[in-house]
Amino acid sequence: MIKNKIRIKFLLGFTFALLILFANFNEALASSKAENIIELFTKVNPGLAHKTAKNYSEIIIEVCNKFKQDPYAIAAIIVHESTVNNKAVSKGGDYGLMQIHWKAHSKAVMKKFPKVKNAKGLFNARINILYGTEVFAYCMSKSDSLKGGLLRYSAGNEKFANKVLATVKELRAKDKNTSVKKSNTKTRKGK
């Protein structure tokens, strides 16, 4: 009986420690992704304030966690849709960071966000990223690859899909380079 209680306490403690370790790892990973997104956004749009880029990256990571999407894909979509300009409007009637087509999505947007009464409501970064990511998640659910999801999201625009894929690839490569640098630093310090 006493041995079982000790085992249970040990397993609970061990499980708790693993949860903390996992949470810290996820936080560090999200932080690295956020930094890469901020760097990308301020490079693509030099007039964008660091604080604004940071806000966008935080929204992206939060929303991507909700819809189980890659933050780099959403960041790359934003780069190639609006060059990270939340006031961007296309000739075809697409608005905001993710260039949401007002005529096609107005009813759904107003239903989800009752405060949005017209297309200018899509200039709100949080609403735009939230709705755009939800649309993208739907496109991904109907596709077997990131390229397929991007093609659905962009109504078959292969040039756009390829540009986004290239940007996602660059961002993922940064993650790999960062993790290699960190492990090399730890190795050197340990010697």
N, C-alpha and C. Protein backbone atom coordinates (compact mmCIF):
# COMPACT_ATOMS: atom_id res chain seq x y z
N MET A 1 0.83 -1.19 0.00
CA MET A 1 0.00 0.00 0.00
C MET A 1 0.87 1.26 0.00
N ILE A 2 1.87 1.29 0.87
CA ILE A 2 2.75 2.46 0.95
C ILE A 2 3.56 2.59 -0.33
N LYS A 3 4.04 1.45 -0.88
CA LYS A 3 4.80 1.49 -2.13
C LYS A 3 3.94 2.04 -3.27
N ASN A 4 2.66 1.68 -3.32
CA ASN A 4 1.77 2.18 -4.36
C ASN A 4 1.58 3.69 -4.24
N LYS A 5 1.46 4.20 -3.00
CA LYS A 5 1.30 5.64 -2.79
C LYS A 5 2.56 6.38 -3.24
N ILE A 6 3.72 5.80 -2.93
CA ILE A 6 4.98 6.42 -3.35
C ILE A 6 5.08 6.43 -4.87
N ARG A 7 4.72 5.34 -5.52
CA ARG A 7 4.74 5.27 -6.98
C ARG A 7 3.80 6.31 -7.59
N ILE A 8 2.62 6.42 -7.01
CA ILE A 8 1.65 7.38 -7.53
C ILE A 8 2.18 8.80 -7.38
N LYS A 9 2.75 9.11 -6.20
CA LYS A 9 3.30 10.44 -5.99
C LYS A 9 4.45 10.71 -6.96
N PHE A 10 5.29 9.70 -7.16
CA PHE A 10 6.41 9.84 -8.10
C PHE A 10 5.89 10.10 -9.51
N LEU A 11 4.91 9.30 -9.94
CA LEU A 11 4.36 9.45 -11.29
C LEU A 11 3.68 10.81 -11.46
N LEU A 12 2.97 11.25 -10.46
CA LEU A 12 2.33 12.57 -10.53
C LEU A 12 3.38 13.67 -10.62
N GLY A 13 4.41 13.57 -9.80
CA GLY A 13 5.49 14.56 -9.83
C GLY A 13 6.21 14.55 -11.17
N PHE A 14 6.48 13.37 -11.67
CA PHE A 14 7.16 13.23 -12.95
C PHE A 14 6.29 13.79 -14.09
N THR A 15 5.01 13.48 -14.06
CA THR A 15 4.08 13.98 -15.07
C THR A 15 4.01 15.51 -15.02
N PHE A 16 3.94 16.06 -13.82
CA PHE A 16 3.89 17.51 -13.65
C PHE A 16 5.17 18.15 -14.21
N ALA A 17 6.31 17.55 -13.92
CA ALA A 17 7.58 18.07 -14.42
C ALA A 17 7.63 18.03 -15.95
N LEU A 18 7.11 16.96 -16.54
CA LEU A 18 7.07 16.87 -18.00
C LEU A 18 6.15 17.93 -18.59
N LEU A 19 5.03 18.17 -17.94
CA LEU A 19 4.10 19.20 -18.42
C LEU A 19 4.75 20.57 -18.39
N ILE A 20 5.47 20.87 -17.33
CA ILE A 20 6.17 22.16 -17.23
C ILE A 20 7.24 22.26 -18.31
N LEU A 21 8.00 21.21 -18.49
CA LEU A 21 9.04 21.18 -19.51
C LEU A 21 8.43 21.38 -20.90
N PHE A 22 7.34 20.68 -21.18
CA PHE A 22 6.66 20.80 -22.47
C PHE A 22 6.13 22.21 -22.67
N ALA A 23 5.54 22.80 -21.63
CA ALA A 23 5.02 24.16 -21.72
C ALA A 23 6.14 25.15 -21.99
N ASN A 24 7.27 24.98 -21.31
CA ASN A 24 8.41 25.88 -21.54
C ASN A 24 8.95 25.72 -22.95
N PHE A 25 9.00 24.49 -23.45
CA PHE A 25 9.47 24.23 -24.80
C PHE A 25 8.54 24.89 -25.82
N ASN A 26 7.22 24.73 -25.63
CA ASN A 26 6.26 25.35 -26.54
C ASN A 26 6.34 26.86 -26.50
N GLU A 27 6.56 27.42 -25.31
CA GLU A 27 6.69 28.87 -25.17
C GLU A 27 7.94 29.36 -25.91
N ALA A 28 9.04 28.65 -25.77
CA ALA A 28 10.28 29.03 -26.46
C ALA A 28 10.10 28.92 -27.97
N LEU A 29 9.41 27.87 -28.41
CA LEU A 29 9.17 27.69 -29.84
C LEU A 29 8.29 28.81 -30.38
N ALA A 30 7.24 29.16 -29.65
CA ALA A 30 6.36 30.25 -30.06
C ALA A 30 7.13 31.57 -30.09
N SER A 31 8.01 31.77 -29.11
CA SER A 31 8.81 32.98 -29.05
C SER A 31 9.73 33.09 -30.26
N SER A 32 10.34 31.98 -30.64
CA SER A 32 11.22 31.95 -31.81
C SER A 32 10.42 32.26 -33.07
N LYS A 33 9.25 31.65 -33.20
CA LYS A 33 8.39 31.91 -34.36
C LYS A 33 7.98 33.38 -34.39
N ALA A 34 7.59 33.91 -33.23
CA ALA A 34 7.18 35.32 -33.15
C ALA A 34 8.32 36.23 -33.60
N GLU A 35 9.53 35.97 -33.13
CA GLU A 35 10.69 36.79 -33.51
C GLU A 35 10.93 36.73 -35.02
N ASN A 36 10.82 35.53 -35.59
CA ASN A 36 11.02 35.39 -37.04
C ASN A 36 9.94 36.13 -37.82
N ILE A 37 8.70 36.08 -37.34
CA ILE A 37 7.60 36.77 -38.01
C ILE A 37 7.80 38.29 -37.91
N ILE A 38 8.16 38.77 -36.74
CA ILE A 38 8.41 40.20 -36.55
C ILE A 38 9.51 40.67 -37.51
N GLU A 39 10.59 39.92 -37.57
CA GLU A 39 11.71 40.28 -38.46
C GLU A 39 11.25 40.32 -39.91
N LEU A 40 10.47 39.32 -40.33
CA LEU A 40 9.95 39.28 -41.70
C LEU A 40 9.06 40.49 -41.97
N PHE A 41 8.13 40.76 -41.07
CA PHE A 41 7.17 41.85 -41.27
C PHE A 41 7.87 43.20 -41.37
N THR A 42 8.83 43.45 -40.50
CA THR A 42 9.51 44.75 -40.53
C THR A 42 10.46 44.87 -41.73
N LYS A 43 10.91 43.74 -42.25
CA LYS A 43 11.75 43.75 -43.46
C LYS A 43 10.89 44.06 -44.69
N VAL A 44 9.73 43.40 -44.77
CA VAL A 44 8.83 43.58 -45.91
C VAL A 44 8.18 44.96 -45.89
N ASN A 45 7.85 45.45 -44.70
CA ASN A 45 7.21 46.76 -44.55
C ASN A 45 8.04 47.58 -43.57
N PRO A 46 9.10 48.25 -44.06
CA PRO A 46 10.00 49.00 -43.17
C PRO A 46 9.31 50.10 -42.36
N GLY A 47 8.16 50.58 -42.82
CA GLY A 47 7.43 51.61 -42.09
C GLY A 47 6.61 51.06 -40.93
N LEU A 48 6.54 49.74 -40.82
CA LEU A 48 5.75 49.10 -39.76
C LEU A 48 6.50 49.19 -38.44
N ALA A 49 5.86 49.71 -37.43
CA ALA A 49 6.49 49.81 -36.11
C ALA A 49 6.71 48.42 -35.53
N HIS A 50 7.82 48.25 -34.82
CA HIS A 50 8.14 46.97 -34.19
C HIS A 50 7.00 46.51 -33.29
N LYS A 51 6.43 47.45 -32.56
CA LYS A 51 5.32 47.14 -31.64
C LYS A 51 4.12 46.57 -32.41
N THR A 52 3.83 47.13 -33.56
CA THR A 52 2.71 46.65 -34.38
C THR A 52 3.02 45.27 -34.94
N ALA A 53 4.24 45.08 -35.42
CA ALA A 53 4.66 43.76 -35.93
C ALA A 53 4.56 42.71 -34.82
N LYS A 54 4.96 43.10 -33.63
CA LYS A 54 4.88 42.18 -32.48
C LYS A 54 3.41 41.84 -32.18
N ASN A 55 2.56 42.83 -32.22
CA ASN A 55 1.13 42.61 -31.99
C ASN A 55 0.56 41.64 -33.03
N TYR A 56 0.89 41.86 -34.30
CA TYR A 56 0.42 40.97 -35.36
C TYR A 56 0.92 39.55 -35.14
N SER A 57 2.19 39.41 -34.77
CA SER A 57 2.75 38.06 -34.58
C SER A 57 2.05 37.36 -33.42
N GLU A 58 1.75 38.09 -32.36
CA GLU A 58 1.04 37.49 -31.22
C GLU A 58 -0.36 37.04 -31.61
N ILE A 59 -1.04 37.86 -32.40
CA ILE A 59 -2.38 37.48 -32.87
C ILE A 59 -2.29 36.23 -33.73
N ILE A 60 -1.32 36.21 -34.64
CA ILE A 60 -1.15 35.06 -35.54
C ILE A 60 -0.92 33.78 -34.75
N ILE A 61 -0.02 33.82 -33.79
CA ILE A 61 0.29 32.62 -33.02
C ILE A 61 -0.94 32.16 -32.22
N GLU A 62 -1.63 33.09 -31.61
CA GLU A 62 -2.84 32.76 -30.85
C GLU A 62 -3.90 32.12 -31.74
N VAL A 63 -4.17 32.76 -32.87
CA VAL A 63 -5.20 32.28 -33.79
C VAL A 63 -4.80 30.95 -34.43
N CYS A 64 -3.53 30.80 -34.75
CA CYS A 64 -3.06 29.54 -35.34
C CYS A 64 -3.15 28.39 -34.35
N ASN A 65 -2.93 28.67 -33.09
CA ASN A 65 -3.14 27.64 -32.06
C ASN A 65 -4.60 27.23 -32.03
N LYS A 66 -5.49 28.19 -32.14
CA LYS A 66 -6.94 27.92 -32.11
C LYS A 66 -7.34 27.04 -33.30
N PHE A 67 -6.85 27.37 -34.49
CA PHE A 67 -7.25 26.65 -35.70
C PHE A 67 -6.25 25.58 -36.14
N LYS A 68 -5.23 25.35 -35.31
CA LYS A 68 -4.20 24.33 -35.58
C LYS A 68 -3.57 24.52 -36.97
N GLN A 69 -3.09 25.75 -37.20
CA GLN A 69 -2.44 26.09 -38.46
C GLN A 69 -1.01 26.55 -38.18
N ASP A 70 -0.19 26.53 -39.21
CA ASP A 70 1.20 26.95 -39.12
C ASP A 70 1.26 28.48 -39.13
N PRO A 71 1.78 29.11 -38.06
CA PRO A 71 1.88 30.57 -38.04
C PRO A 71 2.69 31.13 -39.21
N TYR A 72 3.66 30.36 -39.66
CA TYR A 72 4.46 30.83 -40.79
C TYR A 72 3.63 30.92 -42.06
N ALA A 73 2.70 30.01 -42.25
CA ALA A 73 1.84 30.07 -43.43
C ALA A 73 0.98 31.33 -43.41
N ILE A 74 0.41 31.64 -42.24
CA ILE A 74 -0.43 32.84 -42.13
C ILE A 74 0.42 34.10 -42.30
N ALA A 75 1.60 34.13 -41.69
CA ALA A 75 2.49 35.29 -41.84
C ALA A 75 2.87 35.47 -43.31
N ALA A 76 3.17 34.38 -43.99
CA ALA A 76 3.55 34.46 -45.41
C ALA A 76 2.37 34.92 -46.27
N ILE A 77 1.18 34.47 -45.94
CA ILE A 77 -0.01 34.93 -46.67
C ILE A 77 -0.14 36.44 -46.51
N ILE A 78 0.01 36.92 -45.28
CA ILE A 78 -0.09 38.36 -45.02
C ILE A 78 0.96 39.14 -45.81
N VAL A 79 2.17 38.63 -45.85
CA VAL A 79 3.25 39.30 -46.60
C VAL A 79 2.89 39.42 -48.07
N HIS A 80 2.39 38.33 -48.65
CA HIS A 80 2.14 38.33 -50.09
C HIS A 80 0.76 38.87 -50.48
N GLU A 81 -0.15 38.97 -49.53
CA GLU A 81 -1.46 39.56 -49.82
C GLU A 81 -1.44 41.08 -49.67
N SER A 82 -0.84 41.57 -48.59
CA SER A 82 -0.97 43.00 -48.28
C SER A 82 0.34 43.71 -47.98
N THR A 83 1.45 43.03 -48.12
CA THR A 83 2.76 43.54 -47.67
C THR A 83 2.66 44.11 -46.25
N VAL A 84 1.92 43.42 -45.42
CA VAL A 84 1.74 43.73 -44.00
C VAL A 84 1.18 45.15 -43.81
N ASN A 85 0.19 45.47 -44.62
CA ASN A 85 -0.50 46.76 -44.52
C ASN A 85 -1.96 46.48 -44.17
N ASN A 86 -2.34 46.78 -42.93
CA ASN A 86 -3.70 46.45 -42.50
C ASN A 86 -4.76 47.32 -43.16
N LYS A 87 -4.36 48.38 -43.85
CA LYS A 87 -5.31 49.26 -44.56
C LYS A 87 -5.32 48.98 -46.07
N ALA A 88 -4.69 47.88 -46.47
CA ALA A 88 -4.62 47.54 -47.89
C ALA A 88 -6.01 47.22 -48.44
N VAL A 89 -6.27 47.74 -49.64
CA VAL A 89 -7.52 47.46 -50.36
C VAL A 89 -7.15 47.18 -51.80
N SER A 90 -7.60 46.05 -52.31
CA SER A 90 -7.30 45.72 -53.71
C SER A 90 -8.38 46.31 -54.62
N LYS A 91 -8.08 46.35 -55.90
CA LYS A 91 -9.06 46.84 -56.89
C LYS A 91 -10.30 45.94 -56.91
N GLY A 92 -10.11 44.68 -56.54
CA GLY A 92 -11.22 43.73 -56.57
C GLY A 92 -12.08 43.72 -55.30
N GLY A 93 -11.73 44.55 -54.32
CA GLY A 93 -12.55 44.63 -53.11
C GLY A 93 -12.10 43.73 -51.98
N ASP A 94 -10.78 43.44 -51.91
CA ASP A 94 -10.20 42.65 -50.82
C ASP A 94 -9.62 43.62 -49.80
N TYR A 95 -9.82 43.31 -48.51
CA TYR A 95 -9.48 44.26 -47.45
C TYR A 95 -8.54 43.66 -46.40
N GLY A 96 -7.65 44.53 -45.93
CA GLY A 96 -6.84 44.22 -44.76
C GLY A 96 -5.66 43.31 -45.01
N LEU A 97 -5.10 42.85 -43.90
CA LEU A 97 -3.87 42.06 -43.93
C LEU A 97 -3.96 40.81 -44.79
N MET A 98 -5.06 40.07 -44.65
CA MET A 98 -5.20 38.81 -45.39
C MET A 98 -6.06 38.97 -46.64
N GLN A 99 -6.37 40.24 -46.99
CA GLN A 99 -7.12 40.56 -48.21
C GLN A 99 -8.40 39.72 -48.33
N ILE A 100 -9.29 39.93 -47.39
CA ILE A 100 -10.57 39.23 -47.37
C ILE A 100 -11.53 39.94 -48.33
N HIS A 101 -12.12 39.17 -49.21
CA HIS A 101 -13.04 39.73 -50.20
C HIS A 101 -14.38 40.03 -49.52
N TRP A 102 -14.69 41.31 -49.45
CA TRP A 102 -15.87 41.75 -48.71
C TRP A 102 -17.18 41.19 -49.28
N LYS A 103 -17.35 41.28 -50.59
CA LYS A 103 -18.62 40.82 -51.18
C LYS A 103 -18.84 39.33 -50.92
N ALA A 104 -17.79 38.55 -51.00
CA ALA A 104 -17.94 37.10 -50.80
C ALA A 104 -18.13 36.72 -49.34
N HIS A 105 -17.57 37.50 -48.43
CA HIS A 105 -17.56 37.10 -47.02
C HIS A 105 -18.33 38.02 -46.08
N SER A 106 -18.97 39.06 -46.60
CA SER A 106 -19.59 40.05 -45.71
C SER A 106 -20.61 39.45 -44.75
N LYS A 107 -21.48 38.58 -45.22
CA LYS A 107 -22.50 37.99 -44.34
C LYS A 107 -21.86 37.19 -43.22
N ALA A 108 -20.90 36.35 -43.56
CA ALA A 108 -20.23 35.53 -42.55
C ALA A 108 -19.45 36.38 -41.57
N VAL A 109 -18.78 37.40 -42.07
CA VAL A 109 -17.99 38.28 -41.21
C VAL A 109 -18.92 39.01 -40.23
N MET A 110 -20.01 39.58 -40.74
CA MET A 110 -20.92 40.33 -39.87
C MET A 110 -21.62 39.42 -38.86
N LYS A 111 -21.84 38.18 -39.23
CA LYS A 111 -22.45 37.22 -38.30
C LYS A 111 -21.47 36.88 -37.17
N LYS A 112 -20.22 36.66 -37.52
CA LYS A 112 -19.19 36.32 -36.51
C LYS A 112 -18.79 37.52 -35.67
N PHE A 113 -18.77 38.69 -36.30
CA PHE A 113 -18.33 39.92 -35.64
C PHE A 113 -19.41 40.99 -35.80
N PRO A 114 -20.42 40.97 -34.94
CA PRO A 114 -21.55 41.90 -35.08
C PRO A 114 -21.17 43.38 -35.11
N LYS A 115 -20.01 43.73 -34.57
CA LYS A 115 -19.59 45.14 -34.58
C LYS A 115 -19.11 45.58 -35.97
N VAL A 116 -18.78 44.62 -36.83
CA VAL A 116 -18.35 44.95 -38.19
C VAL A 116 -19.59 45.19 -39.04
N LYS A 117 -19.71 46.43 -39.52
CA LYS A 117 -20.90 46.83 -40.30
C LYS A 117 -20.60 47.02 -41.78
N ASN A 118 -19.30 47.18 -42.09
CA ASN A 118 -18.92 47.39 -43.50
C ASN A 118 -17.49 46.89 -43.71
N ALA A 119 -17.03 46.99 -44.93
CA ALA A 119 -15.71 46.45 -45.30
C ALA A 119 -14.57 47.03 -44.48
N LYS A 120 -14.71 48.28 -44.05
CA LYS A 120 -13.64 48.90 -43.27
C LYS A 120 -13.41 48.19 -41.93
N GLY A 121 -14.38 47.43 -41.47
CA GLY A 121 -14.20 46.64 -40.25
C GLY A 121 -13.10 45.60 -40.41
N LEU A 122 -12.80 45.25 -41.65
CA LEU A 122 -11.73 44.27 -41.91
C LEU A 122 -10.35 44.88 -41.75
N PHE A 123 -10.28 46.18 -41.50
CA PHE A 123 -8.98 46.81 -41.21
C PHE A 123 -8.53 46.48 -39.79
N ASN A 124 -9.43 45.99 -38.97
CA ASN A 124 -9.07 45.54 -37.63
C ASN A 124 -8.22 44.29 -37.77
N ALA A 125 -6.97 44.37 -37.35
CA ALA A 125 -6.02 43.27 -37.56
C ALA A 125 -6.49 41.97 -36.93
N ARG A 126 -6.99 42.03 -35.71
CA ARG A 126 -7.43 40.81 -35.02
C ARG A 126 -8.57 40.13 -35.79
N ILE A 127 -9.55 40.92 -36.19
CA ILE A 127 -10.70 40.35 -36.92
C ILE A 127 -10.23 39.79 -38.26
N ASN A 128 -9.39 40.52 -38.96
CA ASN A 128 -8.92 40.10 -40.26
C ASN A 128 -8.13 38.79 -40.16
N ILE A 129 -7.21 38.72 -39.23
CA ILE A 129 -6.39 37.51 -39.07
C ILE A 129 -7.25 36.34 -38.58
N LEU A 130 -8.14 36.61 -37.66
CA LEU A 130 -9.00 35.55 -37.14
C LEU A 130 -9.87 34.96 -38.25
N TYR A 131 -10.54 35.83 -38.98
CA TYR A 131 -11.42 35.34 -40.04
C TYR A 131 -10.61 34.72 -41.19
N GLY A 132 -9.55 35.39 -41.60
CA GLY A 132 -8.72 34.86 -42.69
C GLY A 132 -8.12 33.51 -42.36
N THR A 133 -7.69 33.34 -41.11
CA THR A 133 -7.11 32.05 -40.71
C THR A 133 -8.19 30.97 -40.66
N GLU A 134 -9.37 31.34 -40.25
CA GLU A 134 -10.48 30.36 -40.24
C GLU A 134 -10.79 29.90 -41.67
N VAL A 135 -10.81 30.84 -42.59
CA VAL A 135 -11.03 30.49 -44.00
C VAL A 135 -9.90 29.60 -44.50
N PHE A 136 -8.67 29.97 -44.16
CA PHE A 136 -7.52 29.16 -44.59
C PHE A 136 -7.57 27.76 -43.97
N ALA A 137 -7.97 27.67 -42.70
CA ALA A 137 -8.08 26.35 -42.05
C ALA A 137 -9.10 25.49 -42.78
N TYR A 138 -10.19 26.10 -43.20
CA TYR A 138 -11.20 25.37 -43.98
C TYR A 138 -10.58 24.88 -45.30
N CYS A 139 -9.84 25.76 -45.98
CA CYS A 139 -9.18 25.37 -47.23
C CYS A 139 -8.21 24.22 -47.01
N MET A 140 -7.48 24.29 -45.90
CA MET A 140 -6.53 23.22 -45.57
C MET A 140 -7.26 21.90 -45.29
N SER A 141 -8.43 21.98 -44.67
CA SER A 141 -9.17 20.76 -44.35
C SER A 141 -9.66 20.06 -45.62
N LYS A 142 -9.76 20.79 -46.70
CA LYS A 142 -10.21 20.23 -47.98
C LYS A 142 -9.04 19.88 -48.90
N SER A 143 -7.82 20.00 -48.39
CA SER A 143 -6.62 19.78 -49.20
C SER A 143 -5.71 18.76 -48.53
N ASP A 144 -4.82 18.20 -49.32
CA ASP A 144 -3.89 17.22 -48.77
C ASP A 144 -2.48 17.78 -48.58
N SER A 145 -2.32 19.09 -48.84
CA SER A 145 -0.99 19.69 -48.69
C SER A 145 -1.14 21.19 -48.45
N LEU A 146 -0.06 21.80 -48.01
CA LEU A 146 -0.06 23.25 -47.82
C LEU A 146 -0.30 23.94 -49.16
N LYS A 147 0.34 23.48 -50.21
CA LYS A 147 0.13 24.10 -51.52
C LYS A 147 -1.34 23.99 -51.94
N GLY A 148 -1.94 22.84 -51.69
CA GLY A 148 -3.35 22.67 -52.03
C GLY A 148 -4.23 23.64 -51.26
N GLY A 149 -3.94 23.83 -49.97
CA GLY A 149 -4.70 24.78 -49.16
C GLY A 149 -4.52 26.20 -49.67
N LEU A 150 -3.29 26.54 -50.04
CA LEU A 150 -3.01 27.88 -50.57
C LEU A 150 -3.72 28.11 -51.91
N LEU A 151 -3.76 27.08 -52.74
CA LEU A 151 -4.45 27.21 -54.02
C LEU A 151 -5.95 27.44 -53.80
N ARG A 152 -6.52 26.72 -52.85
CA ARG A 152 -7.94 26.94 -52.53
C ARG A 152 -8.16 28.34 -51.97
N TYR A 153 -7.27 28.76 -51.06
CA TYR A 153 -7.40 30.08 -50.43
C TYR A 153 -7.33 31.19 -51.46
N SER A 154 -6.50 31.01 -52.48
CA SER A 154 -6.26 32.07 -53.47
C SER A 154 -7.02 31.84 -54.78
N ALA A 155 -8.02 30.98 -54.74
CA ALA A 155 -8.82 30.69 -55.94
C ALA A 155 -7.95 30.21 -57.10
N GLY A 156 -6.97 29.37 -56.78
CA GLY A 156 -6.16 28.74 -57.82
C GLY A 156 -4.95 29.52 -58.30
N ASN A 157 -4.57 30.56 -57.59
CA ASN A 157 -3.43 31.39 -58.01
C ASN A 157 -2.12 30.68 -57.65
N GLU A 158 -1.57 29.98 -58.64
CA GLU A 158 -0.36 29.19 -58.40
C GLU A 158 0.85 30.06 -58.10
N LYS A 159 0.96 31.20 -58.75
CA LYS A 159 2.08 32.11 -58.50
C LYS A 159 2.07 32.55 -57.02
N PHE A 160 0.91 32.92 -56.53
CA PHE A 160 0.76 33.31 -55.12
C PHE A 160 1.14 32.14 -54.21
N ALA A 161 0.60 30.96 -54.49
CA ALA A 161 0.87 29.77 -53.66
C ALA A 161 2.37 29.49 -53.61
N ASN A 162 3.05 29.58 -54.73
CA ASN A 162 4.49 29.31 -54.76
C ASN A 162 5.28 30.36 -53.97
N LYS A 163 4.87 31.62 -54.05
CA LYS A 163 5.55 32.66 -53.27
C LYS A 163 5.38 32.42 -51.77
N VAL A 164 4.16 32.09 -51.38
CA VAL A 164 3.90 31.82 -49.95
C VAL A 164 4.71 30.61 -49.50
N LEU A 165 4.72 29.56 -50.29
CA LEU A 165 5.50 28.36 -49.94
C LEU A 165 6.98 28.69 -49.78
N ALA A 166 7.52 29.51 -50.65
CA ALA A 166 8.94 29.89 -50.56
C ALA A 166 9.21 30.65 -49.26
N THR A 167 8.30 31.54 -48.88
CA THR A 167 8.48 32.30 -47.65
C THR A 167 8.37 31.39 -46.43
N VAL A 168 7.43 30.47 -46.44
CA VAL A 168 7.29 29.50 -45.34
C VAL A 168 8.57 28.68 -45.21
N LYS A 169 9.11 28.26 -46.34
CA LYS A 169 10.35 27.47 -46.34
C LYS A 169 11.51 28.27 -45.72
N GLU A 170 11.62 29.55 -46.07
CA GLU A 170 12.66 30.41 -45.50
C GLU A 170 12.51 30.54 -43.98
N LEU A 171 11.27 30.74 -43.54
CA LEU A 171 11.02 30.88 -42.10
C LEU A 171 11.35 29.59 -41.35
N ARG A 172 10.97 28.47 -41.91
CA ARG A 172 11.26 27.17 -41.27
C ARG A 172 12.77 26.92 -41.23
N ALA A 173 13.48 27.35 -42.27
CA ALA A 173 14.94 27.20 -42.29
C ALA A 173 15.56 28.03 -41.17
N LYS A 174 15.01 29.20 -40.90
CA LYS A 174 15.50 30.03 -39.80
C LYS A 174 15.34 29.30 -38.47
N ASP A 175 14.20 28.63 -38.30
CA ASP A 175 13.98 27.85 -37.08
C ASP A 175 15.07 26.79 -36.92
N LYS A 176 15.37 26.09 -38.00
CA LYS A 176 16.38 25.03 -37.94
C LYS A 176 17.75 25.63 -37.63
N ASN A 177 18.08 26.75 -38.27
CA ASN A 177 19.38 27.39 -38.01
C ASN A 177 19.47 27.88 -36.58
N THR A 178 18.38 28.41 -36.05
CA THR A 178 18.36 28.90 -34.67
C THR A 178 18.57 27.75 -33.69
N SER A 179 17.89 26.62 -33.93
CA SER A 179 18.04 25.48 -33.00
C SER A 179 19.44 24.89 -33.08
N VAL A 180 20.06 24.90 -34.27
CA VAL A 180 21.43 24.39 -34.41
C VAL A 180 22.39 25.32 -33.67
N LYS A 181 22.22 26.64 -33.82
CA LYS A 181 23.08 27.60 -33.13
C LYS A 181 22.95 27.46 -31.62
N LYS A 182 21.72 27.28 -31.13
CA LYS A 182 21.51 27.15 -29.69
C LYS A 182 22.17 25.87 -29.16
N SER A 183 22.05 24.76 -29.90
CA SER A 183 22.65 23.52 -29.42
C SER A 183 24.17 23.60 -29.49
N ASN A 184 24.73 24.29 -30.49
CA ASN A 184 26.18 24.48 -30.57
C ASN A 184 26.68 25.34 -29.42
N THR A 185 25.91 26.36 -29.06
CA THR A 185 26.28 27.25 -27.94
C THR A 185 26.30 26.46 -26.65
N LYS A 186 25.30 25.62 -26.45
CA LYS A 186 25.24 24.80 -25.22
C LYS A 186 26.41 23.82 -25.17
N THR A 187 26.76 23.26 -26.33
CA THR A 187 27.88 22.31 -26.37
C THR A 187 29.19 23.00 -26.00
N ARG A 188 29.40 24.19 -26.57
CA ARG A 188 30.64 24.92 -26.27
C ARG A 188 30.72 25.32 -24.81
N LYS A 189 29.61 25.76 -24.26
CA LYS A 189 29.60 26.17 -22.86
C LYS A 189 29.84 24.98 -21.94
N GLY A 190 29.39 23.80 -22.36
CA GLY A 190 29.53 22.61 -21.52
C GLY A 190 30.94 22.08 -21.48
N LYS A 191 31.80 22.46 -22.42
CA LYS A 191 33.18 21.96 -22.47
C LYS A 191 34.09 22.68 -21.53
